[in-house]
Amino acid sequence: MPMWAIVLTVVASIIVALVSLVNLFRSFKFATKDDIREVKEGIRNINTRIDRHLEGHP
């Protein structure tokens, strides 16, 4: 196999690996304070609705 083909294959492999790593790190989404607050509010709402429902049961 000619040397230029080996070099081209290695360079292409490095580019594919770098693009894959960049996409992997871009896919990580960290929770912000607003996200956590929304989840807490949702849990509170669910708890309130459960409590209201259970008030009618003996």
PDB file of N, CA and C in Angstrom:
ATOM      1  N   MET A   1       0.857  -1.179   0.000  1.00  0.00           N
ATOM      2  CA  MET A   1       0.000   0.000   0.000  1.00  0.00           C
ATOM      3  C   MET A   1       0.901   1.238   0.000  1.00  0.00           C
ATOM      4  N   PRO A   2       0.578   2.209  -0.839  1.00  0.00           N
ATOM      5  CA  PRO A   2       1.427   3.409  -0.905  1.00  0.00           C
ATOM      6  C   PRO A   2       1.354   4.230   0.387  1.00  0.00           C
ATOM      7  N   MET A   3       2.449   4.915   0.653  1.00  0.00           N
ATOM      8  CA  MET A   3       2.555   5.693   1.894  1.00  0.00           C
ATOM      9  C   MET A   3       1.482   6.784   1.962  1.00  0.00           C
ATOM     10  N   TRP A   4       1.157   7.415   0.840  1.00  0.00           N
ATOM     11  CA  TRP A   4       0.157   8.493   0.861  1.00  0.00           C
ATOM     12  C   TRP A   4      -1.215   7.953   1.264  1.00  0.00           C
ATOM     13  N   ALA A   5      -1.524   6.720   0.913  1.00  0.00           N
ATOM     14  CA  ALA A   5      -2.816   6.127   1.273  1.00  0.00           C
ATOM     15  C   ALA A   5      -2.884   5.864   2.773  1.00  0.00           C
ATOM     16  N   ILE A   6      -1.757   5.425   3.332  1.00  0.00           N
ATOM     17  CA  ILE A   6      -1.716   5.185   4.784  1.00  0.00           C
ATOM     18  C   ILE A   6      -1.883   6.501   5.534  1.00  0.00           C
ATOM     19  N   VAL A   7      -1.165   7.518   5.094  1.00  0.00           N
ATOM     20  CA  VAL A   7      -1.256   8.834   5.740  1.00  0.00           C
ATOM     21  C   VAL A   7      -2.672   9.384   5.619  1.00  0.00           C
ATOM     22  N   LEU A   8      -3.262   9.265   4.453  1.00  0.00           N
ATOM     23  CA  LEU A   8      -4.626   9.754   4.246  1.00  0.00           C
ATOM     24  C   LEU A   8      -5.617   9.016   5.147  1.00  0.00           C
ATOM     25  N   THR A   9      -5.452   7.708   5.291  1.00  0.00           N
ATOM     26  CA  THR A   9      -6.337   6.918   6.150  1.00  0.00           C
ATOM     27  C   THR A   9      -6.190   7.326   7.609  1.00  0.00           C
ATOM     28  N   VAL A  10      -4.958   7.538   8.057  1.00  0.00           N
ATOM     29  CA  VAL A  10      -4.718   7.948   9.451  1.00  0.00           C
ATOM     30  C   VAL A  10      -5.311   9.331   9.698  1.00  0.00           C
ATOM     31  N   VAL A  11      -5.111  10.251   8.785  1.00  0.00           N
ATOM     32  CA  VAL A  11      -5.657  11.606   8.946  1.00  0.00           C
ATOM     33  C   VAL A  11      -7.186  11.564   8.974  1.00  0.00           C
ATOM     34  N   ALA A  12      -7.774  10.782   8.095  1.00  0.00           N
ATOM     35  CA  ALA A  12      -9.236  10.670   8.078  1.00  0.00           C
ATOM     36  C   ALA A  12      -9.739  10.061   9.392  1.00  0.00           C
ATOM     37  N   SER A  13      -9.038   9.066   9.889  1.00  0.00           N
ATOM     38  CA  SER A  13      -9.438   8.444  11.155  1.00  0.00           C
ATOM     39  C   SER A  13      -9.358   9.438  12.309  1.00  0.00           C
ATOM     40  N   ILE A  14      -8.319  10.261  12.336  1.00  0.00           N
ATOM     41  CA  ILE A  14      -8.183  11.269  13.391  1.00  0.00           C
ATOM     42  C   ILE A  14      -9.309  12.282  13.304  1.00  0.00           C
ATOM     43  N   ILE A  15      -9.651  12.712  12.098  1.00  0.00           N
ATOM     44  CA  ILE A  15     -10.743  13.684  11.931  1.00  0.00           C
ATOM     45  C   ILE A  15     -12.057  13.085  12.398  1.00  0.00           C
ATOM     46  N   VAL A  16     -12.336  11.847  12.044  1.00  0.00           N
ATOM     47  CA  VAL A  16     -13.581  11.196  12.476  1.00  0.00           C
ATOM     48  C   VAL A  16     -13.609  11.075  13.989  1.00  0.00           C
ATOM     49  N   ALA A  17     -12.490  10.729  14.610  1.00  0.00           N
ATOM     50  CA  ALA A  17     -12.422  10.599  16.059  1.00  0.00           C
ATOM     51  C   ALA A  17     -12.661  11.950  16.746  1.00  0.00           C
ATOM     52  N   LEU A  18     -12.062  13.007  16.221  1.00  0.00           N
ATOM     53  CA  LEU A  18     -12.250  14.334  16.811  1.00  0.00           C
ATOM     54  C   LEU A  18     -13.694  14.813  16.684  1.00  0.00           C
ATOM     55  N   VAL A  19     -14.285  14.609  15.524  1.00  0.00           N
ATOM     56  CA  VAL A  19     -15.681  15.010  15.330  1.00  0.00           C
ATOM     57  C   VAL A  19     -16.588  14.218  16.273  1.00  0.00           C
ATOM     58  N   SER A  20     -16.304  12.944  16.446  1.00  0.00           N
ATOM     59  CA  SER A  20     -17.098  12.118  17.355  1.00  0.00           C
ATOM     60  C   SER A  20     -16.979  12.618  18.791  1.00  0.00           C
ATOM     61  N   LEU A  21     -15.779  12.961  19.218  1.00  0.00           N
ATOM     62  CA  LEU A  21     -15.591  13.481  20.577  1.00  0.00           C
ATOM     63  C   LEU A  21     -16.309  14.808  20.780  1.00  0.00           C
ATOM     64  N   VAL A  22     -16.217  15.681  19.793  1.00  0.00           N
ATOM     65  CA  VAL A  22     -16.901  16.980  19.903  1.00  0.00           C
ATOM     66  C   VAL A  22     -18.405  16.770  20.024  1.00  0.00           C
ATOM     67  N   ASN A  23     -18.968  15.896  19.214  1.00  0.00           N
ATOM     68  CA  ASN A  23     -20.409  15.630  19.283  1.00  0.00           C
ATOM     69  C   ASN A  23     -20.798  14.988  20.604  1.00  0.00           C
ATOM     70  N   LEU A  24     -19.938  14.118  21.128  1.00  0.00           N
ATOM     71  CA  LEU A  24     -20.214  13.496  22.416  1.00  0.00           C
ATOM     72  C   LEU A  24     -20.285  14.539  23.513  1.00  0.00           C
ATOM     73  N   PHE A  25     -19.302  15.435  23.571  1.00  0.00           N
ATOM     74  CA  PHE A  25     -19.290  16.442  24.621  1.00  0.00           C
ATOM     75  C   PHE A  25     -20.398  17.476  24.447  1.00  0.00           C
ATOM     76  N   ARG A  26     -20.803  17.741  23.203  1.00  0.00           N
ATOM     77  CA  ARG A  26     -21.919  18.668  22.986  1.00  0.00           C
ATOM     78  C   ARG A  26     -23.241  18.064  23.421  1.00  0.00           C
ATOM     79  N   SER A  27     -23.324  16.734  23.445  1.00  0.00           N
ATOM     80  CA  SER A  27     -24.582  16.086  23.812  1.00  0.00           C
ATOM     81  C   SER A  27     -24.836  16.115  25.319  1.00  0.00           C
ATOM     82  N   PHE A  28     -23.776  16.349  26.117  1.00  0.00           N
ATOM     83  CA  PHE A  28     -23.965  16.428  27.565  1.00  0.00           C
ATOM     84  C   PHE A  28     -24.645  17.745  27.897  1.00  0.00           C
ATOM     85  N   LYS A  29     -25.762  17.643  28.585  1.00  0.00           N
ATOM     86  CA  LYS A  29     -26.463  18.852  29.010  1.00  0.00           C
ATOM     87  C   LYS A  29     -26.567  18.810  30.518  1.00  0.00           C
ATOM     88  N   PHE A  30     -26.009  19.810  31.158  1.00  0.00           N
ATOM     89  CA  PHE A  30     -26.005  19.852  32.605  1.00  0.00           C
ATOM     90  C   PHE A  30     -27.214  20.642  33.094  1.00  0.00           C
ATOM     91  N   ALA A  31     -27.765  20.202  34.213  1.00  0.00           N
ATOM     92  CA  ALA A  31     -28.952  20.848  34.762  1.00  0.00           C
ATOM     93  C   ALA A  31     -28.580  22.217  35.321  1.00  0.00           C
ATOM     94  N   THR A  32     -29.419  23.190  35.013  1.00  0.00           N
ATOM     95  CA  THR A  32     -29.229  24.525  35.575  1.00  0.00           C
ATOM     96  C   THR A  32     -30.107  24.659  36.816  1.00  0.00           C
ATOM     97  N   LYS A  33     -29.931  25.760  37.514  1.00  0.00           N
ATOM     98  CA  LYS A  33     -30.755  25.999  38.713  1.00  0.00           C
ATOM     99  C   LYS A  33     -32.229  26.078  38.343  1.00  0.00           C
ATOM    100  N   ASP A  34     -32.525  26.649  37.195  1.00  0.00           N
ATOM    101  CA  ASP A  34     -33.921  26.742  36.751  1.00  0.00           C
ATOM    102  C   ASP A  34     -34.502  25.356  36.489  1.00  0.00           C
ATOM    103  N   ASP A  35     -33.714  24.467  35.889  1.00  0.00           N
ATOM    104  CA  ASP A  35     -34.184  23.100  35.646  1.00  0.00           C
ATOM    105  C   ASP A  35     -34.500  22.392  36.963  1.00  0.00           C
ATOM    106  N   ILE A  36     -33.614  22.546  37.933  1.00  0.00           N
ATOM    107  CA  ILE A  36     -33.821  21.906  39.238  1.00  0.00           C
ATOM    108  C   ILE A  36     -35.048  22.492  39.924  1.00  0.00           C
ATOM    109  N   ARG A  37     -35.229  23.789  39.806  1.00  0.00           N
ATOM    110  CA  ARG A  37     -36.397  24.441  40.418  1.00  0.00           C
ATOM    111  C   ARG A  37     -37.689  23.920  39.781  1.00  0.00           C
ATOM    112  N   GLU A  38     -37.695  23.749  38.465  1.00  0.00           N
ATOM    113  CA  GLU A  38     -38.885  23.227  37.784  1.00  0.00           C
ATOM    114  C   GLU A  38     -39.216  21.813  38.245  1.00  0.00           C
ATOM    115  N   VAL A  39     -38.203  20.989  38.417  1.00  0.00           N
ATOM    116  CA  VAL A  39     -38.436  19.620  38.885  1.00  0.00           C
ATOM    117  C   VAL A  39     -38.996  19.638  40.301  1.00  0.00           C
ATOM    118  N   LYS A  40     -38.431  20.490  41.158  1.00  0.00           N
ATOM    119  CA  LYS A  40     -38.923  20.582  42.541  1.00  0.00           C
ATOM    120  C   LYS A  40     -40.377  21.051  42.569  1.00  0.00           C
ATOM    121  N   GLU A  41     -40.718  22.017  41.735  1.00  0.00           N
ATOM    122  CA  GLU A  41     -42.100  22.500  41.682  1.00  0.00           C
ATOM    123  C   GLU A  41     -43.038  21.399  41.193  1.00  0.00           C
ATOM    124  N   GLY A  42     -42.593  20.637  40.213  1.00  0.00           N
ATOM    125  CA  GLY A  42     -43.407  19.530  39.714  1.00  0.00           C
ATOM    126  C   GLY A  42     -43.650  18.492  40.796  1.00  0.00           C
ATOM    127  N   ILE A  43     -42.634  18.174  41.572  1.00  0.00           N
ATOM    128  CA  ILE A  43     -42.786  17.213  42.669  1.00  0.00           C
ATOM    129  C   ILE A  43     -43.739  17.757  43.716  1.00  0.00           C
ATOM    130  N   ARG A  44     -43.609  19.042  44.041  1.00  0.00           N
ATOM    131  CA  ARG A  44     -44.529  19.651  45.013  1.00  0.00           C
ATOM    132  C   ARG A  44     -45.971  19.587  44.515  1.00  0.00           C
ATOM    133  N   ASN A  45     -46.180  19.860  43.230  1.00  0.00           N
ATOM    134  CA  ASN A  45     -47.529  19.812  42.668  1.00  0.00           C
ATOM    135  C   ASN A  45     -48.102  18.399  42.748  1.00  0.00           C
ATOM    136  N   ILE A  46     -47.284  17.417  42.431  1.00  0.00           N
ATOM    137  CA  ILE A  46     -47.753  16.031  42.506  1.00  0.00           C
ATOM    138  C   ILE A  46     -48.096  15.673  43.946  1.00  0.00           C
ATOM    139  N   ASN A  47     -47.242  16.050  44.890  1.00  0.00           N
ATOM    140  CA  ASN A  47     -47.514  15.757  46.302  1.00  0.00           C
ATOM    141  C   ASN A  47     -48.792  16.429  46.780  1.00  0.00           C
ATOM    142  N   THR A  48     -49.019  17.657  46.346  1.00  0.00           N
ATOM    143  CA  THR A  48     -50.228  18.375  46.729  1.00  0.00           C
ATOM    144  C   THR A  48     -51.462  17.676  46.173  1.00  0.00           C
ATOM    145  N   ARG A  49     -51.392  17.246  44.926  1.00  0.00           N
ATOM    146  CA  ARG A  49     -52.542  16.565  44.318  1.00  0.00           C
ATOM    147  C   ARG A  49     -52.804  15.224  44.993  1.00  0.00           C
ATOM    148  N   ILE A  50     -51.754  14.513  45.361  1.00  0.00           N
ATOM    149  CA  ILE A  50     -51.939  13.234  46.065  1.00  0.00           C
ATOM    150  C   ILE A  50     -52.580  13.480  47.429  1.00  0.00           C
ATOM    151  N   ASP A  51     -52.086  14.507  48.144  1.00  0.00           N
ATOM    152  CA  ASP A  51     -52.656  14.828  49.455  1.00  0.00           C
ATOM    153  C   ASP A  51     -54.135  15.193  49.343  1.00  0.00           C
ATOM    154  N   ARG A  52     -54.499  15.983  48.346  1.00  0.00           N
ATOM    155  CA  ARG A  52     -55.901  16.348  48.151  1.00  0.00           C
ATOM    156  C   ARG A  52     -56.744  15.117  47.835  1.00  0.00           C
ATOM    157  N   HIS A  53     -56.188  14.232  47.041  1.00  0.00           N
ATOM    158  CA  HIS A  53     -56.930  13.019  46.688  1.00  0.00           C
ATOM    159  C   HIS A  53     -57.149  12.147  47.916  1.00  0.00           C
ATOM    160  N   LEU A  54     -56.116  12.033  48.745  1.00  0.00           N
ATOM    161  CA  LEU A  54     -56.207  11.145  49.906  1.00  0.00           C
ATOM    162  C   LEU A  54     -57.076  11.721  51.017  1.00  0.00           C
ATOM    163  N   GLU A  55     -57.380  13.026  50.995  1.00  0.00           N
ATOM    164  CA  GLU A  55     -58.224  13.631  52.018  1.00  0.00           C
ATOM    165  C   GLU A  55     -59.616  13.008  52.010  1.00  0.00           C
ATOM    166  N   GLY A  56     -60.093  12.599  50.872  1.00  0.00           N
ATOM    167  CA  GLY A  56     -61.438  12.043  50.772  1.00  0.00           C
ATOM    168  C   GLY A  56     -61.504  10.575  51.153  1.00  0.00           C
ATOM    169  N   HIS A  57     -60.396   9.957  51.377  1.00  0.00           N
ATOM    170  CA  HIS A  57     -60.384   8.523  51.737  1.00  0.00           C
ATOM    171  C   HIS A  57     -60.197   8.356  53.235  1.00  0.00           C
ATOM    172  N   PRO A  58     -60.893   7.346  53.793  1.00  0.00           N
ATOM    173  CA  PRO A  58     -60.751   7.135  55.244  1.00  0.00           C
ATOM    174  C   PRO A  58     -59.393   6.574  55.622  1.00  0.00           C
TER     175      PRO A  58
END
